[in-house]
Amino acid sequence: MVQTYHQLRLDLSAALALFLDPLEAHAECIRWLEDGLGHSRSWLAAHGTDPVPTEARRRVSAWVRRRRKGEPWAYILGWTLFRDRRFKVTPDTLIPRSETDLLVEAALDVGRRLKVDRSVDVGTGSGIIAVSLALETDWQVTASDLSPAALSVARGNASMLGAVIQFHGGSLLDTIPDPLGLVVANLPYVDPADQPTLQRELAFEPASALFAPDRGLALTAALLAQARARQAPACLLEIGAGQGGELCRRALSLGWHKALVHQDLAGHDRLLVALA
């Protein structure tokens, strides 16, 4: 039986709905057809009765098998969008989340108010923060990561998008030269004790980029201490829900003059802004 694009959309949405919320399944189905097969909604509306080529049907079937096991669509596709830019992602890097856009916006605002001319993105991963800052400011941007594989992805994204960034391998600020400028980071902040309760897709993302000791606070607290000791003018960090109060207290005890918590649209603690 010949499968048309209209039938493919219905079959794919039904297959995804077996393990996703129906609304999420419908939205993801559209992304598969648009981003995976390269057909816009208008094209699909005009060509709904066209037969689907065998190669395309095989690709979609392989994607479904991988997705059914919990593999995130971004890894299957190999890229995702962040601030309307396409970034390569691999299992060596976290998949960018919309919440990190709040961190970039806050960094742009704080950096301009403080009139900084440089910034460092610690634990850069796929490089989304560093690339965004490099392309949207005239700052000198530096980025670091402990993972050589993640640094390779970040370098590739910077090159592909035309961002000039100095990359350093190493832990936190250990290999970053002074002066630091604005310190920005989305470090691991998930409590390892929460691992059994997390959505299954997270099992495909690098654990070293998700989990941190001391209830998820260890790396964030260590960076706050390093950045303060090295006289950074400000440190902006993405944090986990419910972590804001304790991290504010720790920041103030380390000598930061002011520590503020910003919440996301769901009302959860999401950003810590520490000012010298």
C-alpha atoms as a PDB file:
ATOM      1  CA  MET A   1       0.000   0.000   0.000  1.00  0.00           C
ATOM      2  CA  VAL A   2       1.331   3.415  -0.981  1.00  0.00           C
ATOM      3  CA  GLN A   3       1.696   5.801   1.967  1.00  0.00           C
ATOM      4  CA  THR A   4       0.955   9.460   1.320  1.00  0.00           C
ATOM      5  CA  TYR A   5       2.407  12.367   3.288  1.00  0.00           C
ATOM      6  CA  HIS A   6      -1.010  12.941   4.843  1.00  0.00           C
ATOM      7  CA  GLN A   7      -1.101   9.335   6.032  1.00  0.00           C
ATOM      8  CA  LEU A   8       2.527   9.536   7.189  1.00  0.00           C
ATOM      9  CA  ARG A   9       1.655  12.486   9.415  1.00  0.00           C
ATOM     10  CA  LEU A  10      -1.293  10.616  10.937  1.00  0.00           C
ATOM     11  CA  ASP A  11       0.693   7.393  11.418  1.00  0.00           C
ATOM     12  CA  LEU A  12       3.687   9.203  12.912  1.00  0.00           C
ATOM     13  CA  SER A  13       1.567  11.244  15.314  1.00  0.00           C
ATOM     14  CA  ALA A  14      -0.186   8.055  16.475  1.00  0.00           C
ATOM     15  CA  ALA A  15       3.132   6.231  16.933  1.00  0.00           C
ATOM     16  CA  LEU A  16       4.564   9.067  19.018  1.00  0.00           C
ATOM     17  CA  ALA A  17       1.365   9.304  21.081  1.00  0.00           C
ATOM     18  CA  LEU A  18       2.031   5.791  22.379  1.00  0.00           C
ATOM     19  CA  PHE A  19       4.786   7.199  24.610  1.00  0.00           C
ATOM     20  CA  LEU A  20       4.247  10.980  24.537  1.00  0.00           C
ATOM     21  CA  ASP A  21       1.438  13.288  25.532  1.00  0.00           C
ATOM     22  CA  PRO A  22      -0.906  13.635  22.500  1.00  0.00           C
ATOM     23  CA  LEU A  23      -0.264  17.368  22.126  1.00  0.00           C
ATOM     24  CA  GLU A  24       3.474  16.844  22.463  1.00  0.00           C
ATOM     25  CA  ALA A  25       3.285  13.986  19.972  1.00  0.00           C
ATOM     26  CA  HIS A  26       1.542  16.197  17.414  1.00  0.00           C
ATOM     27  CA  ALA A  27       4.071  19.017  17.846  1.00  0.00           C
ATOM     28  CA  GLU A  28       7.024  16.633  17.612  1.00  0.00           C
ATOM     29  CA  CYS A  29       5.526  14.989  14.534  1.00  0.00           C
ATOM     30  CA  ILE A  30       5.479  18.349  12.766  1.00  0.00           C
ATOM     31  CA  ARG A  31       9.125  18.972  13.769  1.00  0.00           C
ATOM     32  CA  TRP A  32      10.118  15.593  12.330  1.00  0.00           C
ATOM     33  CA  LEU A  33       8.495  16.389   9.006  1.00  0.00           C
ATOM     34  CA  GLU A  34       9.835  19.945   8.889  1.00  0.00           C
ATOM     35  CA  ASP A  35      13.318  19.551  10.328  1.00  0.00           C
ATOM     36  CA  GLY A  36      13.932  15.876   9.667  1.00  0.00           C
ATOM     37  CA  LEU A  37      12.485  15.484   6.180  1.00  0.00           C
ATOM     38  CA  GLY A  38      12.792  19.155   5.241  1.00  0.00           C
ATOM     39  CA  HIS A  39       9.144  19.723   4.293  1.00  0.00           C
ATOM     40  CA  SER A  40       7.405  22.889   5.464  1.00  0.00           C
ATOM     41  CA  ARG A  41       3.780  22.889   6.601  1.00  0.00           C
ATOM     42  CA  SER A  42       2.755  24.704   3.437  1.00  0.00           C
ATOM     43  CA  TRP A  43       4.545  22.096   1.315  1.00  0.00           C
ATOM     44  CA  LEU A  44       2.848  19.281   3.215  1.00  0.00           C
ATOM     45  CA  ALA A  45      -0.562  20.946   2.770  1.00  0.00           C
ATOM     46  CA  ALA A  46       0.010  21.152  -0.983  1.00  0.00           C
ATOM     47  CA  HIS A  47       1.524  17.671  -1.342  1.00  0.00           C
ATOM     48  CA  GLY A  48      -0.478  15.658   1.186  1.00  0.00           C
ATOM     49  CA  THR A  49      -1.557  13.124  -1.447  1.00  0.00           C
ATOM     50  CA  ASP A  50       1.955  12.617  -2.839  1.00  0.00           C
ATOM     51  CA  PRO A  51       3.491   9.192  -2.142  1.00  0.00           C
ATOM     52  CA  VAL A  52       6.277   9.118   0.424  1.00  0.00           C
ATOM     53  CA  PRO A  53       9.560   7.819  -1.043  1.00  0.00           C
ATOM     54  CA  THR A  54      10.779   4.516   0.350  1.00  0.00           C
ATOM     55  CA  GLU A  55      13.974   6.071   1.706  1.00  0.00           C
ATOM     56  CA  ALA A  56      11.990   8.684   3.680  1.00  0.00           C
ATOM     57  CA  ARG A  57       9.705   6.013   5.145  1.00  0.00           C
ATOM     58  CA  ARG A  58      12.716   4.003   6.255  1.00  0.00           C
ATOM     59  CA  ARG A  59      14.298   7.039   7.876  1.00  0.00           C
ATOM     60  CA  VAL A  60      11.132   7.827   9.817  1.00  0.00           C
ATOM     61  CA  SER A  61      10.768   4.199  10.948  1.00  0.00           C
ATOM     62  CA  ALA A  62      14.356   4.229  12.241  1.00  0.00           C
ATOM     63  CA  TRP A  63      13.714   7.501  14.058  1.00  0.00           C
ATOM     64  CA  VAL A  64      10.601   6.053  15.715  1.00  0.00           C
ATOM     65  CA  ARG A  65      12.537   3.033  16.960  1.00  0.00           C
ATOM     66  CA  ARG A  66      15.178   5.288  18.522  1.00  0.00           C
ATOM     67  CA  ARG A  67      12.634   7.716  19.952  1.00  0.00           C
ATOM     68  CA  ARG A  68      10.586   4.888  21.480  1.00  0.00           C
ATOM     69  CA  LYS A  69      13.643   3.963  23.554  1.00  0.00           C
ATOM     70  CA  GLY A  70      13.689   7.496  24.954  1.00  0.00           C
ATOM     71  CA  GLU A  71      16.428   9.047  22.810  1.00  0.00           C
ATOM     72  CA  PRO A  72      15.737  12.789  22.499  1.00  0.00           C
ATOM     73  CA  TRP A  73      14.767  14.091  19.072  1.00  0.00           C
ATOM     74  CA  ALA A  74      17.611  16.629  19.107  1.00  0.00           C
ATOM     75  CA  TYR A  75      20.180  13.806  19.245  1.00  0.00           C
ATOM     76  CA  ILE A  76      18.412  11.890  16.491  1.00  0.00           C
ATOM     77  CA  LEU A  77      18.305  15.006  14.311  1.00  0.00           C
ATOM     78  CA  GLY A  78      21.799  16.118  15.338  1.00  0.00           C
ATOM     79  CA  TRP A  79      20.996  19.779  15.921  1.00  0.00           C
ATOM     80  CA  THR A  80      18.598  22.132  17.666  1.00  0.00           C
ATOM     81  CA  LEU A  81      17.745  25.816  17.669  1.00  0.00           C
ATOM     82  CA  PHE A  82      18.773  28.315  20.339  1.00  0.00           C
ATOM     83  CA  ARG A  83      18.035  32.019  19.892  1.00  0.00           C
ATOM     84  CA  ASP A  84      17.126  31.224  16.270  1.00  0.00           C
ATOM     85  CA  ARG A  85      20.549  29.766  15.551  1.00  0.00           C
ATOM     86  CA  ARG A  86      21.193  26.153  14.645  1.00  0.00           C
ATOM     87  CA  PHE A  87      23.584  24.370  17.019  1.00  0.00           C
ATOM     88  CA  LYS A  88      24.985  20.904  16.565  1.00  0.00           C
ATOM     89  CA  VAL A  89      24.342  18.667  19.580  1.00  0.00           C
ATOM     90  CA  THR A  90      25.672  15.211  20.369  1.00  0.00           C
ATOM     91  CA  PRO A  91      25.402  12.865  23.367  1.00  0.00           C
ATOM     92  CA  ASP A  92      28.594  14.577  24.621  1.00  0.00           C
ATOM     93  CA  THR A  93      26.636  17.791  25.238  1.00  0.00           C
ATOM     94  CA  LEU A  94      23.430  18.785  26.942  1.00  0.00           C
ATOM     95  CA  ILE A  95      20.491  19.662  24.721  1.00  0.00           C
ATOM     96  CA  PRO A  96      19.854  23.428  24.992  1.00  0.00           C
ATOM     97  CA  ARG A  97      16.779  24.393  27.001  1.00  0.00           C
ATOM     98  CA  SER A  98      14.647  27.494  26.636  1.00  0.00           C
ATOM     99  CA  GLU A  99      15.445  28.406  30.263  1.00  0.00           C
ATOM    100  CA  THR A 100      19.055  29.110  29.315  1.00  0.00           C
ATOM    101  CA  ASP A 101      17.789  31.949  27.132  1.00  0.00           C
ATOM    102  CA  LEU A 102      16.936  33.724  30.409  1.00  0.00           C
ATOM    103  CA  LEU A 103      20.588  33.404  31.432  1.00  0.00           C
ATOM    104  CA  VAL A 104      21.816  34.896  28.165  1.00  0.00           C
ATOM    105  CA  GLU A 105      19.365  37.803  28.412  1.00  0.00           C
ATOM    106  CA  ALA A 106      20.432  38.487  32.006  1.00  0.00           C
ATOM    107  CA  ALA A 107      24.116  38.343  31.033  1.00  0.00           C
ATOM    108  CA  LEU A 108      23.544  40.848  28.225  1.00  0.00           C
ATOM    109  CA  ASP A 109      21.700  43.185  30.582  1.00  0.00           C
ATOM    110  CA  VAL A 110      24.156  42.955  33.494  1.00  0.00           C
ATOM    111  CA  GLY A 111      27.192  43.116  31.218  1.00  0.00           C
ATOM    112  CA  ARG A 112      26.010  46.281  29.523  1.00  0.00           C
ATOM    113  CA  ARG A 113      25.098  47.945  32.813  1.00  0.00           C
ATOM    114  CA  LEU A 114      28.539  47.121  34.201  1.00  0.00           C
ATOM    115  CA  LYS A 115      30.181  48.124  30.900  1.00  0.00           C
ATOM    116  CA  VAL A 116      32.224  44.924  30.704  1.00  0.00           C
ATOM    117  CA  ASP A 117      34.334  44.204  27.652  1.00  0.00           C
ATOM    118  CA  ARG A 118      34.836  40.483  28.188  1.00  0.00           C
ATOM    119  CA  SER A 119      33.022  37.410  29.419  1.00  0.00           C
ATOM    120  CA  VAL A 120      33.750  33.759  30.184  1.00  0.00           C
ATOM    121  CA  ASP A 121      31.283  30.894  29.734  1.00  0.00           C
ATOM    122  CA  VAL A 122      32.201  28.107  32.150  1.00  0.00           C
ATOM    123  CA  GLY A 123      31.174  24.558  31.230  1.00  0.00           C
ATOM    124  CA  THR A 124      30.267  25.676  27.734  1.00  0.00           C
ATOM    125  CA  GLY A 125      28.914  22.347  26.452  1.00  0.00           C
ATOM    126  CA  SER A 126      27.670  22.900  22.898  1.00  0.00           C
ATOM    127  CA  GLY A 127      28.703  26.550  23.187  1.00  0.00           C
ATOM    128  CA  ILE A 128      25.270  28.152  23.064  1.00  0.00           C
ATOM    129  CA  ILE A 129      25.988  30.798  25.719  1.00  0.00           C
ATOM    130  CA  ALA A 130      29.456  31.726  24.491  1.00  0.00           C
ATOM    131  CA  VAL A 131      28.361  31.886  20.850  1.00  0.00           C
ATOM    132  CA  SER A 132      25.296  33.976  21.686  1.00  0.00           C
ATOM    133  CA  LEU A 133      27.357  36.476  23.698  1.00  0.00           C
ATOM    134  CA  ALA A 134      30.081  36.642  21.050  1.00  0.00           C
ATOM    135  CA  LEU A 135      27.589  37.336  18.257  1.00  0.00           C
ATOM    136  CA  GLU A 136      25.393  39.759  20.188  1.00  0.00           C
ATOM    137  CA  THR A 137      28.073  41.933  21.818  1.00  0.00           C
ATOM    138  CA  ASP A 138      31.529  43.287  21.063  1.00  0.00           C
ATOM    139  CA  TRP A 139      32.955  41.506  24.122  1.00  0.00           C
ATOM    140  CA  GLN A 140      36.013  39.291  24.128  1.00  0.00           C
ATOM    141  CA  VAL A 141      34.466  35.906  24.912  1.00  0.00           C
ATOM    142  CA  THR A 142      36.248  32.921  26.436  1.00  0.00           C
ATOM    143  CA  ALA A 143      34.780  29.488  27.104  1.00  0.00           C
ATOM    144  CA  SER A 144      35.911  26.443  29.047  1.00  0.00           C
ATOM    145  CA  ASP A 145      34.844  22.839  29.514  1.00  0.00           C
ATOM    146  CA  LEU A 146      36.292  19.802  31.230  1.00  0.00           C
ATOM    147  CA  SER A 147      35.137  17.529  28.384  1.00  0.00           C
ATOM    148  CA  PRO A 148      37.327  17.488  25.244  1.00  0.00           C
ATOM    149  CA  ALA A 149      34.392  16.049  23.274  1.00  0.00           C
ATOM    150  CA  ALA A 150      32.098  18.890  24.327  1.00  0.00           C
ATOM    151  CA  LEU A 151      34.786  21.449  23.479  1.00  0.00           C
ATOM    152  CA  SER A 152      35.052  19.951  20.005  1.00  0.00           C
ATOM    153  CA  VAL A 153      31.310  20.433  19.479  1.00  0.00           C
ATOM    154  CA  ALA A 154      31.463  23.993  20.828  1.00  0.00           C
ATOM    155  CA  ARG A 155      34.385  24.884  18.572  1.00  0.00           C
ATOM    156  CA  GLY A 156      32.494  23.501  15.599  1.00  0.00           C
ATOM    157  CA  ASN A 157      29.402  25.530  16.430  1.00  0.00           C
ATOM    158  CA  ALA A 158      31.433  28.706  16.888  1.00  0.00           C
ATOM    159  CA  SER A 159      33.139  28.186  13.546  1.00  0.00           C
ATOM    160  CA  MET A 160      29.888  27.380  11.756  1.00  0.00           C
ATOM    161  CA  LEU A 161      28.164  30.487  13.138  1.00  0.00           C
ATOM    162  CA  GLY A 162      31.124  32.827  12.770  1.00  0.00           C
ATOM    163  CA  ALA A 163      31.699  33.497  16.482  1.00  0.00           C
ATOM    164  CA  VAL A 164      35.205  34.433  17.668  1.00  0.00           C
ATOM    165  CA  ILE A 165      35.801  32.658  20.988  1.00  0.00           C
ATOM    166  CA  GLN A 166      38.884  31.537  22.893  1.00  0.00           C
ATOM    167  CA  PHE A 167      38.375  27.967  24.122  1.00  0.00           C
ATOM    168  CA  HIS A 168      40.175  26.373  27.066  1.00  0.00           C
ATOM    169  CA  GLY A 169      40.024  22.840  28.393  1.00  0.00           C
ATOM    170  CA  GLY A 170      39.874  22.494  32.153  1.00  0.00           C
ATOM    171  CA  SER A 171      37.761  22.630  35.281  1.00  0.00           C
ATOM    172  CA  LEU A 172      35.805  25.800  36.046  1.00  0.00           C
ATOM    173  CA  LEU A 173      38.161  28.825  35.890  1.00  0.00           C
ATOM    174  CA  ASP A 174      41.387  26.874  36.368  1.00  0.00           C
ATOM    175  CA  THR A 175      42.713  27.494  32.850  1.00  0.00           C
ATOM    176  CA  ILE A 176      41.110  30.903  32.201  1.00  0.00           C
ATOM    177  CA  PRO A 177      43.535  33.864  32.271  1.00  0.00           C
ATOM    178  CA  ASP A 178      42.803  37.132  34.073  1.00  0.00           C
ATOM    179  CA  PRO A 179      40.997  39.431  33.812  1.00  0.00           C
ATOM    180  CA  LEU A 180      37.844  37.338  33.753  1.00  0.00           C
ATOM    181  CA  GLY A 181      35.153  39.856  33.015  1.00  0.00           C
ATOM    182  CA  LEU A 182      31.567  38.677  33.409  1.00  0.00           C
ATOM    183  CA  VAL A 183      31.384  35.023  34.502  1.00  0.00           C
ATOM    184  CA  VAL A 184      28.405  33.089  33.104  1.00  0.00           C
ATOM    185  CA  ALA A 185      27.649  29.383  33.496  1.00  0.00           C
ATOM    186  CA  ASN A 186      25.069  26.662  33.202  1.00  0.00           C
ATOM    187  CA  LEU A 187      26.829  24.064  35.335  1.00  0.00           C
ATOM    188  CA  PRO A 188      25.503  20.698  36.518  1.00  0.00           C
ATOM    189  CA  TYR A 189      23.001  21.421  39.290  1.00  0.00           C
ATOM    190  CA  VAL A 190      20.794  18.321  39.598  1.00  0.00           C
ATOM    191  CA  ASP A 191      20.858  16.425  42.887  1.00  0.00           C
ATOM    192  CA  PRO A 192      22.081  12.854  42.195  1.00  0.00           C
ATOM    193  CA  ALA A 193      19.397  11.609  44.599  1.00  0.00           C
ATOM    194  CA  ASP A 194      16.764  12.800  42.120  1.00  0.00           C
ATOM    195  CA  GLN A 195      18.093  10.653  39.284  1.00  0.00           C
ATOM    196  CA  PRO A 196      15.511   7.824  39.610  1.00  0.00           C
ATOM    197  CA  THR A 197      12.623  10.303  39.278  1.00  0.00           C
ATOM    198  CA  LEU A 198      13.822  12.159  36.176  1.00  0.00           C
ATOM    199  CA  GLN A 199      12.307  11.779  32.727  1.00  0.00           C
ATOM    200  CA  ARG A 200      13.826   8.938  30.746  1.00  0.00           C
ATOM    201  CA  GLU A 201      15.220  11.211  28.010  1.00  0.00           C
ATOM    202  CA  LEU A 202      17.778  12.562  30.494  1.00  0.00           C
ATOM    203  CA  ALA A 203      19.436   9.138  30.637  1.00  0.00           C
ATOM    204  CA  PHE A 204      20.764   9.865  27.130  1.00  0.00           C
ATOM    205  CA  GLU A 205      22.405  13.147  28.140  1.00  0.00           C
ATOM    206  CA  PRO A 206      25.872  13.214  29.766  1.00  0.00           C
ATOM    207  CA  ALA A 207      25.563  12.637  33.506  1.00  0.00           C
ATOM    208  CA  SER A 208      28.663  14.752  34.104  1.00  0.00           C
ATOM    209  CA  ALA A 209      26.766  17.744  32.704  1.00  0.00           C
ATOM    210  CA  LEU A 210      23.667  17.131  34.822  1.00  0.00           C
ATOM    211  CA  PHE A 211      24.580  15.989  38.310  1.00  0.00           C
ATOM    212  CA  ALA A 212      26.685  17.611  41.017  1.00  0.00           C
ATOM    213  CA  PRO A 213      27.488  16.616  44.625  1.00  0.00           C
ATOM    214  CA  ASP A 214      26.145  18.441  47.672  1.00  0.00           C
ATOM    215  CA  ARG A 215      22.529  18.209  46.466  1.00  0.00           C
ATOM    216  CA  GLY A 216      23.519  19.696  43.125  1.00  0.00           C
ATOM    217  CA  LEU A 217      25.187  22.767  44.636  1.00  0.00           C
ATOM    218  CA  ALA A 218      28.883  21.825  44.672  1.00  0.00           C
ATOM    219  CA  LEU A 219      30.048  23.128  41.305  1.00  0.00           C
ATOM    220  CA  THR A 220      27.960  26.286  41.453  1.00  0.00           C
ATOM    221  CA  ALA A 221      29.329  27.102  44.900  1.00  0.00           C
ATOM    222  CA  ALA A 222      32.898  26.366  43.769  1.00  0.00           C
ATOM    223  CA  LEU A 223      32.556  28.703  40.796  1.00  0.00           C
ATOM    224  CA  LEU A 224      31.115  31.449  42.990  1.00  0.00           C
ATOM    225  CA  ALA A 225      34.173  31.126  45.232  1.00  0.00           C
ATOM    226  CA  GLN A 226      36.652  31.146  42.339  1.00  0.00           C
ATOM    227  CA  ALA A 227      35.010  34.066  40.556  1.00  0.00           C
ATOM    228  CA  ARG A 228      34.907  36.151  43.748  1.00  0.00           C
ATOM    229  CA  ALA A 229      38.533  35.368  44.615  1.00  0.00           C
ATOM    230  CA  ARG A 230      39.594  36.431  41.122  1.00  0.00           C
ATOM    231  CA  GLN A 231      37.630  39.685  41.285  1.00  0.00           C
ATOM    232  CA  ALA A 232      35.016  39.064  38.625  1.00  0.00           C
ATOM    233  CA  PRO A 233      32.538  41.963  38.550  1.00  0.00           C
ATOM    234  CA  ALA A 234      29.576  39.567  38.450  1.00  0.00           C
ATOM    235  CA  CYS A 235      28.732  35.884  38.235  1.00  0.00           C
ATOM    236  CA  LEU A 236      25.496  34.698  36.596  1.00  0.00           C
ATOM    237  CA  LEU A 237      24.472  31.084  37.013  1.00  0.00           C
ATOM    238  CA  GLU A 238      21.595  28.912  35.900  1.00  0.00           C
ATOM    239  CA  ILE A 239      20.351  27.039  38.977  1.00  0.00           C
ATOM    240  CA  GLY A 240      17.793  24.423  39.941  1.00  0.00           C
ATOM    241  CA  ALA A 241      14.354  24.909  41.429  1.00  0.00           C
ATOM    242  CA  GLY A 242      14.537  25.601  45.160  1.00  0.00           C
ATOM    243  CA  GLN A 243      18.287  26.326  45.186  1.00  0.00           C
ATOM    244  CA  GLY A 244      18.112  30.109  45.172  1.00  0.00           C
ATOM    245  CA  GLY A 245      17.924  30.816  48.891  1.00  0.00           C
ATOM    246  CA  GLU A 246      20.888  28.703  49.925  1.00  0.00           C
ATOM    247  CA  LEU A 247      23.024  29.833  46.997  1.00  0.00           C
ATOM    248  CA  CYS A 248      22.311  33.480  47.833  1.00  0.00           C
ATOM    249  CA  ARG A 249      23.492  32.881  51.379  1.00  0.00           C
ATOM    250  CA  ARG A 250      26.611  31.119  50.158  1.00  0.00           C
ATOM    251  CA  ALA A 251      27.372  33.916  47.686  1.00  0.00           C
ATOM    252  CA  LEU A 252      27.098  36.586  50.374  1.00  0.00           C
ATOM    253  CA  SER A 253      29.278  34.550  52.744  1.00  0.00           C
ATOM    254  CA  LEU A 254      31.939  34.399  50.009  1.00  0.00           C
ATOM    255  CA  GLY A 255      32.072  38.177  49.853  1.00  0.00           C
ATOM    256  CA  TRP A 256      29.738  39.009  46.969  1.00  0.00           C
ATOM    257  CA  HIS A 257      28.131  42.380  47.662  1.00  0.00           C
ATOM    258  CA  LYS A 258      24.703  41.403  46.356  1.00  0.00           C
ATOM    259  CA  ALA A 259      23.015  38.152  45.312  1.00  0.00           C
ATOM    260  CA  LEU A 260      19.692  38.026  43.479  1.00  0.00           C
ATOM    261  CA  VAL A 261      17.498  35.145  42.327  1.00  0.00           C
ATOM    262  CA  HIS A 262      15.370  35.311  39.189  1.00  0.00           C
ATOM    263  CA  GLN A 263      12.562  32.852  38.520  1.00  0.00           C
ATOM    264  CA  ASP A 264      11.431  31.329  35.250  1.00  0.00           C
ATOM    265  CA  LEU A 265       7.944  31.540  33.766  1.00  0.00           C
ATOM    266  CA  ALA A 266       6.850  28.569  35.869  1.00  0.00           C
ATOM    267  CA  GLY A 267       7.825  30.402  39.063  1.00  0.00           C
ATOM    268  CA  HIS A 268      10.881  28.239  39.803  1.00  0.00           C
ATOM    269  CA  ASP A 269      14.295  29.554  40.858  1.00  0.00           C
ATOM    270  CA  ARG A 270      16.325  29.660  37.631  1.00  0.00           C
ATOM    271  CA  LEU A 271      19.079  32.298  37.790  1.00  0.00           C
ATOM    272  CA  LEU A 272      21.490  33.503  40.445  1.00  0.00           C
ATOM    273  CA  VAL A 273      23.092  36.886  39.863  1.00  0.00           C
ATOM    274  CA  ALA A 274      26.020  37.667  42.201  1.00  0.00           C
ATOM    275  CA  LEU A 275      27.449  41.200  42.026  1.00  0.00           C
ATOM    276  CA  ALA A 276      30.799  42.321  43.434  1.00  0.00           C
END
